[in-house]
Amino acid sequence: MRMSAAPQKSYFNLILGIAFLGYGGYRLFTFITGAEYTTFRIIIALGFIILGAFDLYKFFKNHPEEQ
């Protein structure tokens, strides 16, 4: 007999997603409002935003029910 547990959401992905979006958004905001950053720091900030969005997507996506 096979028992399947309901898939649990990883709250670690939620926390990381919010943190990465916040940090990357803050860095991008300060750049837009006049802070001088190197191109590398801007790329890293964009990477944090993309990674945070991906983590939030993983947290909120719907898992299909297994039968």
PDB file of N, CA and C in Angstrom:
ATOM      1  N   MET A   1       0.844  -1.168   0.000  1.00  0.00           N
ATOM      2  CA  MET A   1       0.000   0.000   0.000  1.00  0.00           C
ATOM      3  C   MET A   1       0.897   1.243   0.000  1.00  0.00           C
ATOM      4  N   ARG A   2       0.557   2.173  -0.831  1.00  0.00           N
ATOM      5  CA  ARG A   2       1.381   3.358  -1.001  1.00  0.00           C
ATOM      6  C   ARG A   2       0.691   4.557  -0.375  1.00  0.00           C
ATOM      7  N   MET A   3       1.394   5.222   0.500  1.00  0.00           N
ATOM      8  CA  MET A   3       0.854   6.431   1.121  1.00  0.00           C
ATOM      9  C   MET A   3       1.614   7.625   0.567  1.00  0.00           C
ATOM     10  N   SER A   4       0.878   8.612   0.133  1.00  0.00           N
ATOM     11  CA  SER A   4       1.542   9.805  -0.380  1.00  0.00           C
ATOM     12  C   SER A   4       1.197  10.986   0.518  1.00  0.00           C
ATOM     13  N   ALA A   5       2.213  11.669   0.931  1.00  0.00           N
ATOM     14  CA  ALA A   5       2.013  12.846   1.769  1.00  0.00           C
ATOM     15  C   ALA A   5       1.763  14.051   0.871  1.00  0.00           C
ATOM     16  N   ALA A   6       1.013  14.976   1.387  1.00  0.00           N
ATOM     17  CA  ALA A   6       0.760  16.202   0.637  1.00  0.00           C
ATOM     18  C   ALA A   6       2.078  16.965   0.505  1.00  0.00           C
ATOM     19  N   PRO A   7       2.335  17.543  -0.673  1.00  0.00           N
ATOM     20  CA  PRO A   7       3.587  18.279  -0.836  1.00  0.00           C
ATOM     21  C   PRO A   7       3.615  19.499   0.080  1.00  0.00           C
ATOM     22  N   GLN A   8       4.718  19.658   0.783  1.00  0.00           N
ATOM     23  CA  GLN A   8       4.843  20.793   1.682  1.00  0.00           C
ATOM     24  C   GLN A   8       5.528  21.937   0.958  1.00  0.00           C
ATOM     25  N   LYS A   9       5.108  23.140   1.290  1.00  0.00           N
ATOM     26  CA  LYS A   9       5.740  24.313   0.712  1.00  0.00           C
ATOM     27  C   LYS A   9       6.996  24.626   1.515  1.00  0.00           C
ATOM     28  N   SER A  10       8.036  24.984   0.824  1.00  0.00           N
ATOM     29  CA  SER A  10       9.287  25.319   1.480  1.00  0.00           C
ATOM     30  C   SER A  10       9.276  26.802   1.844  1.00  0.00           C
ATOM     31  N   TYR A  11       9.141  27.067   3.127  1.00  0.00           N
ATOM     32  CA  TYR A  11       9.133  28.455   3.572  1.00  0.00           C
ATOM     33  C   TYR A  11      10.515  29.082   3.448  1.00  0.00           C
ATOM     34  N   PHE A  12      11.526  28.243   3.320  1.00  0.00           N
ATOM     35  CA  PHE A  12      12.869  28.748   3.060  1.00  0.00           C
ATOM     36  C   PHE A  12      12.903  29.474   1.714  1.00  0.00           C
ATOM     37  N   ASN A  13      12.213  28.940   0.693  1.00  0.00           N
ATOM     38  CA  ASN A  13      12.133  29.612  -0.611  1.00  0.00           C
ATOM     39  C   ASN A  13      11.414  30.944  -0.499  1.00  0.00           C
ATOM     40  N   LEU A  14      10.384  31.002   0.327  1.00  0.00           N
ATOM     41  CA  LEU A  14       9.653  32.254   0.518  1.00  0.00           C
ATOM     42  C   LEU A  14      10.554  33.312   1.146  1.00  0.00           C
ATOM     43  N   ILE A  15      11.269  32.935   2.198  1.00  0.00           N
ATOM     44  CA  ILE A  15      12.140  33.890   2.887  1.00  0.00           C
ATOM     45  C   ILE A  15      13.274  34.348   1.973  1.00  0.00           C
ATOM     46  N   LEU A  16      13.893  33.403   1.267  1.00  0.00           N
ATOM     47  CA  LEU A  16      14.969  33.774   0.347  1.00  0.00           C
ATOM     48  C   LEU A  16      14.462  34.663  -0.784  1.00  0.00           C
ATOM     49  N   GLY A  17      13.298  34.342  -1.321  1.00  0.00           N
ATOM     50  CA  GLY A  17      12.742  35.145  -2.406  1.00  0.00           C
ATOM     51  C   GLY A  17      12.488  36.578  -1.991  1.00  0.00           C
ATOM     52  N   ILE A  18      11.905  36.750  -0.818  1.00  0.00           N
ATOM     53  CA  ILE A  18      11.634  38.103  -0.322  1.00  0.00           C
ATOM     54  C   ILE A  18      12.940  38.844  -0.052  1.00  0.00           C
ATOM     55  N   ALA A  19      13.907  38.150   0.555  1.00  0.00           N
ATOM     56  CA  ALA A  19      15.188  38.787   0.866  1.00  0.00           C
ATOM     57  C   ALA A  19      15.935  39.189  -0.407  1.00  0.00           C
ATOM     58  N   PHE A  20      15.989  38.295  -1.394  1.00  0.00           N
ATOM     59  CA  PHE A  20      16.697  38.607  -2.631  1.00  0.00           C
ATOM     60  C   PHE A  20      16.010  39.732  -3.400  1.00  0.00           C
ATOM     61  N   LEU A  21      14.685  39.698  -3.458  1.00  0.00           N
ATOM     62  CA  LEU A  21      13.966  40.781  -4.135  1.00  0.00           C
ATOM     63  C   LEU A  21      14.187  42.110  -3.426  1.00  0.00           C
ATOM     64  N   GLY A  22      14.147  42.079  -2.107  1.00  0.00           N
ATOM     65  CA  GLY A  22      14.352  43.309  -1.343  1.00  0.00           C
ATOM     66  C   GLY A  22      15.744  43.882  -1.536  1.00  0.00           C
ATOM     67  N   TYR A  23      16.758  43.040  -1.429  1.00  0.00           N
ATOM     68  CA  TYR A  23      18.134  43.507  -1.570  1.00  0.00           C
ATOM     69  C   TYR A  23      18.413  43.993  -2.995  1.00  0.00           C
ATOM     70  N   GLY A  24      18.021  43.207  -3.976  1.00  0.00           N
ATOM     71  CA  GLY A  24      18.246  43.609  -5.361  1.00  0.00           C
ATOM     72  C   GLY A  24      17.453  44.853  -5.730  1.00  0.00           C
ATOM     73  N   GLY A  25      16.216  44.924  -5.253  1.00  0.00           N
ATOM     74  CA  GLY A  25      15.400  46.108  -5.510  1.00  0.00           C
ATOM     75  C   GLY A  25      15.978  47.354  -4.873  1.00  0.00           C
ATOM     76  N   TYR A  26      16.499  47.206  -3.651  1.00  0.00           N
ATOM     77  CA  TYR A  26      17.125  48.344  -2.973  1.00  0.00           C
ATOM     78  C   TYR A  26      18.350  48.821  -3.738  1.00  0.00           C
ATOM     79  N   ARG A  27      19.193  47.898  -4.176  1.00  0.00           N
ATOM     80  CA  ARG A  27      20.390  48.278  -4.926  1.00  0.00           C
ATOM     81  C   ARG A  27      20.030  48.946  -6.251  1.00  0.00           C
ATOM     82  N   LEU A  28      19.031  48.412  -6.934  1.00  0.00           N
ATOM     83  CA  LEU A  28      18.610  49.002  -8.202  1.00  0.00           C
ATOM     84  C   LEU A  28      17.975  50.375  -7.979  1.00  0.00           C
ATOM     85  N   PHE A  29      17.193  50.508  -6.920  1.00  0.00           N
ATOM     86  CA  PHE A  29      16.562  51.791  -6.604  1.00  0.00           C
ATOM     87  C   PHE A  29      17.611  52.860  -6.310  1.00  0.00           C
ATOM     88  N   THR A  30      18.622  52.513  -5.507  1.00  0.00           N
ATOM     89  CA  THR A  30      19.657  53.505  -5.204  1.00  0.00           C
ATOM     90  C   THR A  30      20.456  53.870  -6.450  1.00  0.00           C
ATOM     91  N   PHE A  31      20.626  52.923  -7.369  1.00  0.00           N
ATOM     92  CA  PHE A  31      21.312  53.236  -8.621  1.00  0.00           C
ATOM     93  C   PHE A  31      20.477  54.199  -9.461  1.00  0.00           C
ATOM     94  N   ILE A  32      19.176  53.943  -9.544  1.00  0.00           N
ATOM     95  CA  ILE A  32      18.298  54.794 -10.351  1.00  0.00           C
ATOM     96  C   ILE A  32      18.210  56.201  -9.767  1.00  0.00           C
ATOM     97  N   THR A  33      18.260  56.310  -8.440  1.00  0.00           N
ATOM     98  CA  THR A  33      18.140  57.624  -7.807  1.00  0.00           C
ATOM     99  C   THR A  33      19.463  58.368  -7.714  1.00  0.00           C
ATOM    100  N   GLY A  34      20.537  57.827  -8.283  1.00  0.00           N
ATOM    101  CA  GLY A  34      21.751  58.613  -8.403  1.00  0.00           C
ATOM    102  C   GLY A  34      23.022  58.025  -7.842  1.00  0.00           C
ATOM    103  N   ALA A  35      22.983  56.887  -7.194  1.00  0.00           N
ATOM    104  CA  ALA A  35      24.219  56.292  -6.677  1.00  0.00           C
ATOM    105  C   ALA A  35      25.059  55.774  -7.837  1.00  0.00           C
ATOM    106  N   GLU A  36      26.361  55.906  -7.703  1.00  0.00           N
ATOM    107  CA  GLU A  36      27.251  55.446  -8.765  1.00  0.00           C
ATOM    108  C   GLU A  36      27.727  54.035  -8.442  1.00  0.00           C
ATOM    109  N   TYR A  37      27.309  53.088  -9.258  1.00  0.00           N
ATOM    110  CA  TYR A  37      27.713  51.696  -9.105  1.00  0.00           C
ATOM    111  C   TYR A  37      28.445  51.254 -10.356  1.00  0.00           C
ATOM    112  N   THR A  38      29.317  50.275 -10.186  1.00  0.00           N
ATOM    113  CA  THR A  38      29.961  49.679 -11.355  1.00  0.00           C
ATOM    114  C   THR A  38      28.942  48.782 -12.063  1.00  0.00           C
ATOM    115  N   THR A  39      29.242  48.465 -13.294  1.00  0.00           N
ATOM    116  CA  THR A  39      28.351  47.607 -14.071  1.00  0.00           C
ATOM    117  C   THR A  39      28.187  46.246 -13.408  1.00  0.00           C
ATOM    118  N   PHE A  40      29.259  45.748 -12.808  1.00  0.00           N
ATOM    119  CA  PHE A  40      29.206  44.448 -12.140  1.00  0.00           C
ATOM    120  C   PHE A  40      28.193  44.458 -10.995  1.00  0.00           C
ATOM    121  N   ARG A  41      28.154  45.521 -10.211  1.00  0.00           N
ATOM    122  CA  ARG A  41      27.204  45.594  -9.086  1.00  0.00           C
ATOM    123  C   ARG A  41      25.765  45.679  -9.583  1.00  0.00           C
ATOM    124  N   ILE A  42      25.547  46.333 -10.704  1.00  0.00           N
ATOM    125  CA  ILE A  42      24.197  46.411 -11.273  1.00  0.00           C
ATOM    126  C   ILE A  42      23.763  45.034 -11.760  1.00  0.00           C
ATOM    127  N   ILE A  43      24.677  44.307 -12.399  1.00  0.00           N
ATOM    128  CA  ILE A  43      24.356  42.958 -12.875  1.00  0.00           C
ATOM    129  C   ILE A  43      24.060  42.037 -11.697  1.00  0.00           C
ATOM    130  N   ILE A  44      24.830  42.153 -10.627  1.00  0.00           N
ATOM    131  CA  ILE A  44      24.583  41.342  -9.430  1.00  0.00           C
ATOM    132  C   ILE A  44      23.214  41.679  -8.840  1.00  0.00           C
ATOM    133  N   ALA A  45      22.845  42.954  -8.796  1.00  0.00           N
ATOM    134  CA  ALA A  45      21.535  43.351  -8.275  1.00  0.00           C
ATOM    135  C   ALA A  45      20.413  42.762  -9.129  1.00  0.00           C
ATOM    136  N   LEU A  46      20.571  42.793 -10.446  1.00  0.00           N
ATOM    137  CA  LEU A  46      19.572  42.188 -11.326  1.00  0.00           C
ATOM    138  C   LEU A  46      19.502  40.681 -11.119  1.00  0.00           C
ATOM    139  N   GLY A  47      20.644  40.061 -10.891  1.00  0.00           N
ATOM    140  CA  GLY A  47      20.671  38.627 -10.604  1.00  0.00           C
ATOM    141  C   GLY A  47      19.922  38.295  -9.327  1.00  0.00           C
ATOM    142  N   PHE A  48      20.081  39.124  -8.292  1.00  0.00           N
ATOM    143  CA  PHE A  48      19.343  38.908  -7.048  1.00  0.00           C
ATOM    144  C   PHE A  48      17.837  39.034  -7.271  1.00  0.00           C
ATOM    145  N   ILE A  49      17.429  39.996  -8.087  1.00  0.00           N
ATOM    146  CA  ILE A  49      16.002  40.173  -8.364  1.00  0.00           C
ATOM    147  C   ILE A  49      15.455  38.958  -9.109  1.00  0.00           C
ATOM    148  N   ILE A  50      16.179  38.481 -10.102  1.00  0.00           N
ATOM    149  CA  ILE A  50      15.731  37.307 -10.868  1.00  0.00           C
ATOM    150  C   ILE A  50      15.690  36.072  -9.978  1.00  0.00           C
ATOM    151  N   LEU A  51      16.715  35.887  -9.159  1.00  0.00           N
ATOM    152  CA  LEU A  51      16.745  34.736  -8.257  1.00  0.00           C
ATOM    153  C   LEU A  51      15.612  34.803  -7.231  1.00  0.00           C
ATOM    154  N   GLY A  52      15.331  35.998  -6.716  1.00  0.00           N
ATOM    155  CA  GLY A  52      14.231  36.153  -5.774  1.00  0.00           C
ATOM    156  C   GLY A  52      12.887  35.870  -6.414  1.00  0.00           C
ATOM    157  N   ALA A  53      12.699  36.338  -7.644  1.00  0.00           N
ATOM    158  CA  ALA A  53      11.445  36.068  -8.347  1.00  0.00           C
ATOM    159  C   ALA A  53      11.282  34.576  -8.612  1.00  0.00           C
ATOM    160  N   PHE A  54      12.378  33.897  -8.946  1.00  0.00           N
ATOM    161  CA  PHE A  54      12.318  32.457  -9.179  1.00  0.00           C
ATOM    162  C   PHE A  54      11.986  31.703  -7.892  1.00  0.00           C
ATOM    163  N   ASP A  55      12.575  32.112  -6.779  1.00  0.00           N
ATOM    164  CA  ASP A  55      12.265  31.467  -5.497  1.00  0.00           C
ATOM    165  C   ASP A  55      10.802  31.672  -5.117  1.00  0.00           C
ATOM    166  N   LEU A  56      10.274  32.864  -5.344  1.00  0.00           N
ATOM    167  CA  LEU A  56       8.858  33.104  -5.048  1.00  0.00           C
ATOM    168  C   LEU A  56       7.959  32.304  -5.981  1.00  0.00           C
ATOM    169  N   TYR A  57       8.365  32.160  -7.234  1.00  0.00           N
ATOM    170  CA  TYR A  57       7.604  31.333  -8.172  1.00  0.00           C
ATOM    171  C   TYR A  57       7.561  29.893  -7.685  1.00  0.00           C
ATOM    172  N   LYS A  58       8.707  29.363  -7.253  1.00  0.00           N
ATOM    173  CA  LYS A  58       8.743  27.991  -6.745  1.00  0.00           C
ATOM    174  C   LYS A  58       7.836  27.830  -5.528  1.00  0.00           C
ATOM    175  N   PHE A  59       7.737  28.861  -4.710  1.00  0.00           N
ATOM    176  CA  PHE A  59       6.913  28.760  -3.509  1.00  0.00           C
ATOM    177  C   PHE A  59       5.424  28.787  -3.850  1.00  0.00           C
ATOM    178  N   PHE A  60       5.022  29.653  -4.779  1.00  0.00           N
ATOM    179  CA  PHE A  60       3.600  29.858  -5.035  1.00  0.00           C
ATOM    180  C   PHE A  60       3.023  29.020  -6.167  1.00  0.00           C
ATOM    181  N   LYS A  61       3.848  28.295  -6.916  1.00  0.00           N
ATOM    182  CA  LYS A  61       3.289  27.523  -8.029  1.00  0.00           C
ATOM    183  C   LYS A  61       2.427  26.387  -7.485  1.00  0.00           C
ATOM    184  N   ASN A  62       1.435  26.011  -8.269  1.00  0.00           N
ATOM    185  CA  ASN A  62       0.523  24.939  -7.867  1.00  0.00           C
ATOM    186  C   ASN A  62       1.118  23.599  -8.243  1.00  0.00           C
ATOM    187  N   HIS A  63       1.110  22.686  -7.285  1.00  0.00           N
ATOM    188  CA  HIS A  63       1.571  21.330  -7.548  1.00  0.00           C
ATOM    189  C   HIS A  63       0.378  20.495  -7.977  1.00  0.00           C
ATOM    190  N   PRO A  64       0.500  19.733  -9.077  1.00  0.00           N
ATOM    191  CA  PRO A  64      -0.620  18.867  -9.473  1.00  0.00           C
ATOM    192  C   PRO A  64      -0.804  17.751  -8.445  1.00  0.00           C
ATOM    193  N   GLU A  65      -2.033  17.414  -8.195  1.00  0.00           N
ATOM    194  CA  GLU A  65      -2.344  16.348  -7.238  1.00  0.00           C
ATOM    195  C   GLU A  65      -2.007  15.002  -7.857  1.00  0.00           C
ATOM    196  N   GLU A  66      -1.317  14.155  -7.101  1.00  0.00           N
ATOM    197  CA  GLU A  66      -1.005  12.810  -7.577  1.00  0.00           C
ATOM    198  C   GLU A  66      -2.135  11.879  -7.189  1.00  0.00           C
ATOM    199  N   GLN A  67      -2.524  11.005  -8.095  1.00  0.00           N
ATOM    200  CA  GLN A  67      -3.628  10.076  -7.844  1.00  0.00           C
ATOM    201  C   GLN A  67      -3.082   8.704  -7.603  1.00  0.00           C
TER     202      GLN A  67
END
